[in-house]
Amino acid sequence: MNTLFHISHSIFNSLFHFHFSYHAILISIIKLYYSFTPINTTWTRTDTRIQPKHTSLAPSASSDNSK
């Protein structure tokens, strides 16, 4: 019974370390994503400023402007 507990504990430990490394990778990806977003946020801000009433139609309007 002690060996079974030890095996399950080691499995839980390895899973916890894997989860921690996955979390660190996810944080680095989010930081990388947010380092590029200021350009996108300012662009969407100007887009909503041009069309404040039609916020739902803003994506289609931006695609029309790209033509």
N, C-alpha and C. Protein backbone atom coordinates (compact mmCIF):
# COMPACT_ATOMS: atom_id res chain seq x y z
N MET A 1 0.83 -1.20 0.00
CA MET A 1 0.00 0.00 0.00
C MET A 1 0.87 1.26 0.00
N ASN A 2 1.99 1.21 0.74
CA ASN A 2 2.89 2.36 0.74
C ASN A 2 3.51 2.59 -0.64
N THR A 3 3.85 1.50 -1.32
CA THR A 3 4.44 1.63 -2.66
C THR A 3 3.43 2.22 -3.64
N LEU A 4 2.17 1.81 -3.51
CA LEU A 4 1.13 2.34 -4.38
C LEU A 4 0.95 3.84 -4.14
N PHE A 5 0.98 4.23 -2.87
CA PHE A 5 0.87 5.65 -2.54
C PHE A 5 2.06 6.42 -3.10
N HIS A 6 3.24 5.82 -3.00
CA HIS A 6 4.45 6.47 -3.50
C HIS A 6 4.40 6.64 -5.01
N ILE A 7 3.88 5.62 -5.71
CA ILE A 7 3.77 5.69 -7.18
C ILE A 7 2.77 6.78 -7.57
N SER A 8 1.62 6.80 -6.91
CA SER A 8 0.61 7.82 -7.24
C SER A 8 1.12 9.21 -6.89
N HIS A 9 1.89 9.31 -5.81
CA HIS A 9 2.44 10.61 -5.41
C HIS A 9 3.46 11.10 -6.44
N SER A 10 4.28 10.19 -6.96
CA SER A 10 5.28 10.57 -7.97
C SER A 10 4.59 10.96 -9.27
N ILE A 11 3.51 10.26 -9.62
CA ILE A 11 2.75 10.60 -10.83
C ILE A 11 2.12 11.99 -10.66
N PHE A 12 1.56 12.25 -9.48
CA PHE A 12 0.97 13.55 -9.21
C PHE A 12 2.02 14.65 -9.26
N ASN A 13 3.21 14.36 -8.72
CA ASN A 13 4.31 15.32 -8.74
C ASN A 13 4.73 15.65 -10.17
N SER A 14 4.87 14.63 -11.01
CA SER A 14 5.27 14.86 -12.40
C SER A 14 4.19 15.62 -13.15
N LEU A 15 2.92 15.31 -12.87
CA LEU A 15 1.82 16.03 -13.50
C LEU A 15 1.82 17.49 -13.07
N PHE A 16 2.10 17.73 -11.79
CA PHE A 16 2.13 19.10 -11.27
C PHE A 16 3.25 19.89 -11.93
N HIS A 17 4.42 19.28 -12.09
CA HIS A 17 5.54 19.97 -12.73
C HIS A 17 5.25 20.21 -14.21
N PHE A 18 4.58 19.26 -14.85
CA PHE A 18 4.20 19.45 -16.25
C PHE A 18 3.21 20.59 -16.37
N HIS A 19 2.25 20.65 -15.46
CA HIS A 19 1.25 21.72 -15.47
C HIS A 19 1.92 23.07 -15.25
N PHE A 20 2.91 23.11 -14.36
CA PHE A 20 3.62 24.36 -14.07
C PHE A 20 4.39 24.83 -15.30
N SER A 21 5.06 23.90 -15.99
CA SER A 21 5.82 24.28 -17.19
C SER A 21 4.87 24.72 -18.29
N TYR A 22 3.71 24.04 -18.41
CA TYR A 22 2.71 24.42 -19.39
C TYR A 22 2.18 25.81 -19.09
N HIS A 23 1.98 26.11 -17.81
CA HIS A 23 1.50 27.42 -17.39
C HIS A 23 2.52 28.50 -17.73
N ALA A 24 3.81 28.20 -17.52
CA ALA A 24 4.87 29.15 -17.84
C ALA A 24 4.94 29.41 -19.34
N ILE A 25 4.77 28.36 -20.14
CA ILE A 25 4.77 28.51 -21.60
C ILE A 25 3.57 29.35 -22.03
N LEU A 26 2.42 29.10 -21.41
CA LEU A 26 1.21 29.85 -21.74
C LEU A 26 1.38 31.33 -21.40
N ILE A 27 2.00 31.63 -20.25
CA ILE A 27 2.24 33.02 -19.86
C ILE A 27 3.18 33.70 -20.86
N SER A 28 4.22 33.00 -21.31
CA SER A 28 5.15 33.58 -22.27
C SER A 28 4.46 33.84 -23.61
N ILE A 29 3.54 32.95 -24.01
CA ILE A 29 2.79 33.14 -25.26
C ILE A 29 1.87 34.35 -25.12
N ILE A 30 1.21 34.49 -23.95
CA ILE A 30 0.32 35.63 -23.72
C ILE A 30 1.12 36.93 -23.71
N LYS A 31 2.29 36.93 -23.08
CA LYS A 31 3.15 38.12 -23.08
C LYS A 31 3.58 38.48 -24.50
N LEU A 32 3.93 37.47 -25.29
CA LEU A 32 4.32 37.70 -26.68
C LEU A 32 3.14 38.27 -27.46
N TYR A 33 1.93 37.72 -27.21
CA TYR A 33 0.73 38.19 -27.90
C TYR A 33 0.42 39.63 -27.53
N TYR A 34 0.53 39.96 -26.24
CA TYR A 34 0.21 41.31 -25.80
C TYR A 34 1.29 42.32 -26.19
N SER A 35 2.50 41.86 -26.54
CA SER A 35 3.53 42.79 -27.01
C SER A 35 3.18 43.29 -28.42
N PHE A 36 2.37 42.52 -29.15
CA PHE A 36 1.95 42.94 -30.50
C PHE A 36 0.58 43.62 -30.50
N THR A 37 -0.21 43.45 -29.45
CA THR A 37 -1.58 43.96 -29.46
C THR A 37 -1.75 45.48 -29.42
N PRO A 38 -0.84 46.30 -28.83
CA PRO A 38 -1.09 47.75 -28.83
C PRO A 38 -1.40 48.32 -30.20
N ILE A 39 -0.80 47.79 -31.26
CA ILE A 39 -1.10 48.24 -32.62
C ILE A 39 -2.55 47.89 -32.96
N ASN A 40 -2.96 46.67 -32.62
CA ASN A 40 -4.31 46.23 -32.94
C ASN A 40 -5.36 46.99 -32.13
N THR A 41 -5.09 47.25 -30.87
CA THR A 41 -6.07 47.93 -30.03
C THR A 41 -6.27 49.37 -30.48
N THR A 42 -5.20 50.04 -30.89
CA THR A 42 -5.34 51.42 -31.37
C THR A 42 -6.10 51.42 -32.69
N TRP A 43 -5.88 50.39 -33.51
CA TRP A 43 -6.58 50.32 -34.80
C TRP A 43 -8.07 50.08 -34.59
N THR A 44 -8.44 49.21 -33.64
CA THR A 44 -9.86 48.96 -33.37
C THR A 44 -10.50 50.18 -32.72
N ARG A 45 -9.72 50.92 -31.92
CA ARG A 45 -10.25 52.13 -31.31
C ARG A 45 -10.62 53.16 -32.37
N THR A 46 -9.77 53.35 -33.36
CA THR A 46 -10.06 54.31 -34.43
C THR A 46 -11.23 53.80 -35.27
N ASP A 47 -11.33 52.48 -35.45
CA ASP A 47 -12.41 51.90 -36.23
C ASP A 47 -13.75 52.13 -35.55
N THR A 48 -13.81 51.96 -34.23
CA THR A 48 -15.06 52.19 -33.51
C THR A 48 -15.37 53.67 -33.41
N ARG A 49 -14.32 54.51 -33.45
CA ARG A 49 -14.55 55.95 -33.40
C ARG A 49 -15.19 56.43 -34.71
N ILE A 50 -14.83 55.78 -35.83
CA ILE A 50 -15.41 56.14 -37.13
C ILE A 50 -16.87 55.69 -37.17
N GLN A 51 -17.14 54.49 -36.69
CA GLN A 51 -18.51 53.96 -36.73
C GLN A 51 -18.96 53.58 -35.32
N PRO A 52 -19.38 54.53 -34.49
CA PRO A 52 -19.79 54.19 -33.12
C PRO A 52 -21.15 53.49 -33.07
N LYS A 53 -22.04 53.76 -34.03
CA LYS A 53 -23.38 53.17 -34.00
C LYS A 53 -23.37 51.73 -34.49
N HIS A 54 -22.51 51.42 -35.46
CA HIS A 54 -22.50 50.09 -36.07
C HIS A 54 -21.28 49.31 -35.61
N THR A 55 -21.24 48.98 -34.33
CA THR A 55 -20.09 48.23 -33.81
C THR A 55 -20.12 46.78 -34.30
N SER A 56 -21.33 46.24 -34.52
CA SER A 56 -21.42 44.85 -34.98
C SER A 56 -21.02 44.74 -36.45
N LEU A 57 -21.17 45.81 -37.21
CA LEU A 57 -20.81 45.81 -38.62
C LEU A 57 -19.38 46.28 -38.84
N ALA A 58 -18.65 46.57 -37.77
CA ALA A 58 -17.28 47.08 -37.90
C ALA A 58 -16.35 46.10 -38.62
N PRO A 59 -16.39 44.79 -38.35
CA PRO A 59 -15.49 43.88 -39.06
C PRO A 59 -15.73 43.86 -40.57
N SER A 60 -17.00 43.86 -41.00
CA SER A 60 -17.30 43.85 -42.43
C SER A 60 -16.88 45.17 -43.07
N ALA A 61 -17.05 46.28 -42.35
CA ALA A 61 -16.65 47.58 -42.87
C ALA A 61 -15.13 47.64 -43.02
N SER A 62 -14.40 47.06 -42.08
CA SER A 62 -12.94 47.07 -42.17
C SER A 62 -12.48 46.20 -43.34
N SER A 63 -13.21 45.11 -43.63
CA SER A 63 -12.83 44.27 -44.77
C SER A 63 -13.13 44.99 -46.07
N ASP A 64 -14.18 45.82 -46.10
CA ASP A 64 -14.48 46.61 -47.29
C ASP A 64 -13.42 47.67 -47.51
N ASN A 65 -12.89 48.23 -46.43
CA ASN A 65 -11.85 49.25 -46.56
C ASN A 65 -10.54 48.65 -47.06
N SER A 66 -10.31 47.38 -46.82
CA SER A 66 -9.05 46.76 -47.23
C SER A 66 -9.02 46.49 -48.73
N LYS A 67 -10.19 46.50 -49.38
CA LYS A 67 -10.23 46.23 -50.84
C LYS A 67 -9.59 47.36 -51.63
